[in-house]
N, C-alpha and C. Protein backbone atom coordinates (compact mmCIF):
# COMPACT_ATOMS: atom_id res chain seq x y z
N MET A 1 0.82 -1.19 0.00
CA MET A 1 0.00 0.00 0.00
C MET A 1 0.87 1.26 0.00
N LYS A 2 1.94 1.25 0.79
CA LYS A 2 2.81 2.42 0.84
C LYS A 2 3.52 2.63 -0.49
N ASN A 3 3.91 1.52 -1.14
CA ASN A 3 4.59 1.64 -2.42
C ASN A 3 3.70 2.30 -3.46
N GLU A 4 2.43 1.95 -3.44
CA GLU A 4 1.48 2.55 -4.39
C GLU A 4 1.36 4.05 -4.13
N LYS A 5 1.31 4.43 -2.86
CA LYS A 5 1.21 5.85 -2.50
C LYS A 5 2.46 6.60 -2.94
N ASN A 6 3.63 6.00 -2.69
CA ASN A 6 4.89 6.63 -3.08
C ASN A 6 4.99 6.76 -4.60
N ASP A 7 4.55 5.73 -5.30
CA ASP A 7 4.57 5.77 -6.76
C ASP A 7 3.68 6.89 -7.28
N LYS A 8 2.49 7.01 -6.70
CA LYS A 8 1.57 8.07 -7.13
C LYS A 8 2.15 9.44 -6.82
N THR A 9 2.78 9.59 -5.68
CA THR A 9 3.38 10.86 -5.29
C THR A 9 4.53 11.21 -6.23
N LYS A 10 5.36 10.23 -6.54
CA LYS A 10 6.48 10.46 -7.45
C LYS A 10 5.98 10.83 -8.84
N LYS A 11 4.94 10.12 -9.30
CA LYS A 11 4.38 10.40 -10.63
C LYS A 11 3.78 11.79 -10.67
N SER A 12 3.09 12.19 -9.63
CA SER A 12 2.46 13.51 -9.62
C SER A 12 3.53 14.60 -9.58
N LYS A 13 4.61 14.37 -8.83
CA LYS A 13 5.70 15.36 -8.80
C LYS A 13 6.36 15.48 -10.16
N ILE A 14 6.58 14.36 -10.82
CA ILE A 14 7.18 14.38 -12.15
C ILE A 14 6.28 15.09 -13.14
N LEU A 15 4.97 14.82 -13.07
CA LEU A 15 4.03 15.47 -13.97
C LEU A 15 3.98 16.97 -13.73
N LEU A 16 4.03 17.38 -12.47
CA LEU A 16 4.03 18.82 -12.16
C LEU A 16 5.29 19.49 -12.71
N GLU A 17 6.43 18.84 -12.57
CA GLU A 17 7.67 19.40 -13.09
C GLU A 17 7.61 19.51 -14.61
N LYS A 18 7.10 18.48 -15.27
CA LYS A 18 6.99 18.51 -16.73
C LYS A 18 6.04 19.60 -17.16
N LYS A 19 4.93 19.76 -16.44
CA LYS A 19 3.95 20.79 -16.77
C LYS A 19 4.58 22.18 -16.64
N GLU A 20 5.30 22.41 -15.55
CA GLU A 20 5.95 23.70 -15.34
C GLU A 20 7.00 23.96 -16.41
N ASN A 21 7.76 22.95 -16.77
CA ASN A 21 8.77 23.10 -17.81
C ASN A 21 8.12 23.40 -19.15
N ALA A 22 7.02 22.74 -19.44
CA ALA A 22 6.32 22.97 -20.70
C ALA A 22 5.76 24.38 -20.75
N ILE A 23 5.20 24.85 -19.66
CA ILE A 23 4.65 26.21 -19.61
C ILE A 23 5.75 27.23 -19.80
N SER A 24 6.88 27.05 -19.14
CA SER A 24 7.97 28.01 -19.29
C SER A 24 8.55 27.96 -20.70
N SER A 25 8.61 26.78 -21.30
CA SER A 25 9.10 26.67 -22.67
C SER A 25 8.16 27.38 -23.65
N LEU A 26 6.86 27.20 -23.48
CA LEU A 26 5.90 27.88 -24.34
C LEU A 26 5.98 29.38 -24.16
N PHE A 27 6.21 29.84 -22.94
CA PHE A 27 6.36 31.26 -22.65
C PHE A 27 7.56 31.83 -23.39
N GLU A 28 8.68 31.09 -23.36
CA GLU A 28 9.88 31.52 -24.07
C GLU A 28 9.67 31.56 -25.57
N VAL A 29 8.98 30.57 -26.12
CA VAL A 29 8.71 30.52 -27.55
C VAL A 29 7.82 31.69 -27.95
N GLU A 30 6.84 31.99 -27.12
CA GLU A 30 5.94 33.11 -27.40
C GLU A 30 6.72 34.43 -27.46
N HIS A 31 7.62 34.63 -26.52
CA HIS A 31 8.43 35.85 -26.52
C HIS A 31 9.35 35.91 -27.74
N PHE A 32 9.93 34.79 -28.09
CA PHE A 32 10.81 34.75 -29.26
C PHE A 32 10.03 35.13 -30.53
N LEU A 33 8.84 34.56 -30.69
CA LEU A 33 8.05 34.86 -31.89
C LEU A 33 7.60 36.32 -31.91
N CYS A 34 7.27 36.85 -30.75
CA CYS A 34 6.88 38.26 -30.67
C CYS A 34 8.05 39.16 -31.06
N ASN A 35 9.24 38.84 -30.56
CA ASN A 35 10.43 39.62 -30.91
C ASN A 35 10.75 39.48 -32.39
N LEU A 36 10.56 38.30 -32.94
CA LEU A 36 10.81 38.07 -34.35
C LEU A 36 9.85 38.90 -35.20
N LYS A 37 8.61 38.97 -34.78
CA LYS A 37 7.62 39.78 -35.49
C LYS A 37 8.01 41.25 -35.47
N LYS A 38 8.50 41.72 -34.33
CA LYS A 38 8.94 43.11 -34.21
C LYS A 38 10.12 43.38 -35.14
N ILE A 39 11.03 42.43 -35.25
CA ILE A 39 12.19 42.57 -36.14
C ILE A 39 11.74 42.66 -37.59
N PHE A 40 10.81 41.78 -37.99
CA PHE A 40 10.31 41.81 -39.37
C PHE A 40 9.59 43.12 -39.66
N ASN A 41 8.83 43.62 -38.70
CA ASN A 41 8.15 44.90 -38.88
C ASN A 41 9.16 46.04 -39.03
N THR A 42 10.21 46.01 -38.25
CA THR A 42 11.24 47.03 -38.32
C THR A 42 11.95 46.98 -39.67
N ILE A 43 12.26 45.79 -40.15
CA ILE A 43 12.93 45.64 -41.45
C ILE A 43 12.03 46.13 -42.57
N SER A 44 10.76 45.78 -42.52
CA SER A 44 9.85 46.23 -43.57
C SER A 44 9.68 47.75 -43.54
N LEU A 45 9.64 48.33 -42.35
CA LEU A 45 9.57 49.78 -42.22
C LEU A 45 10.84 50.42 -42.78
N TYR A 46 11.97 49.83 -42.52
CA TYR A 46 13.23 50.33 -43.04
C TYR A 46 13.22 50.33 -44.57
N HIS A 47 12.70 49.25 -45.17
CA HIS A 47 12.63 49.15 -46.64
C HIS A 47 11.67 50.19 -47.20
N ILE A 48 10.59 50.46 -46.50
CA ILE A 48 9.63 51.46 -46.98
C ILE A 48 10.24 52.85 -46.92
N LEU A 49 10.94 53.15 -45.84
CA LEU A 49 11.52 54.49 -45.68
C LEU A 49 12.81 54.69 -46.46
N LYS A 50 13.37 53.64 -46.95
CA LYS A 50 14.63 53.73 -47.68
C LYS A 50 14.38 54.34 -49.00
């Protein structure tokens, strides 16, 4: 019975860590894409004003 409880606890901790890592990774990707969009807008503005 204790082994089952420990296994469930370990699995839930692992899942929480994976979830947090996934959320932080998605957050980083979102910021990268936003910055990339800003760069493309700046380049297109530069071409228009050139």
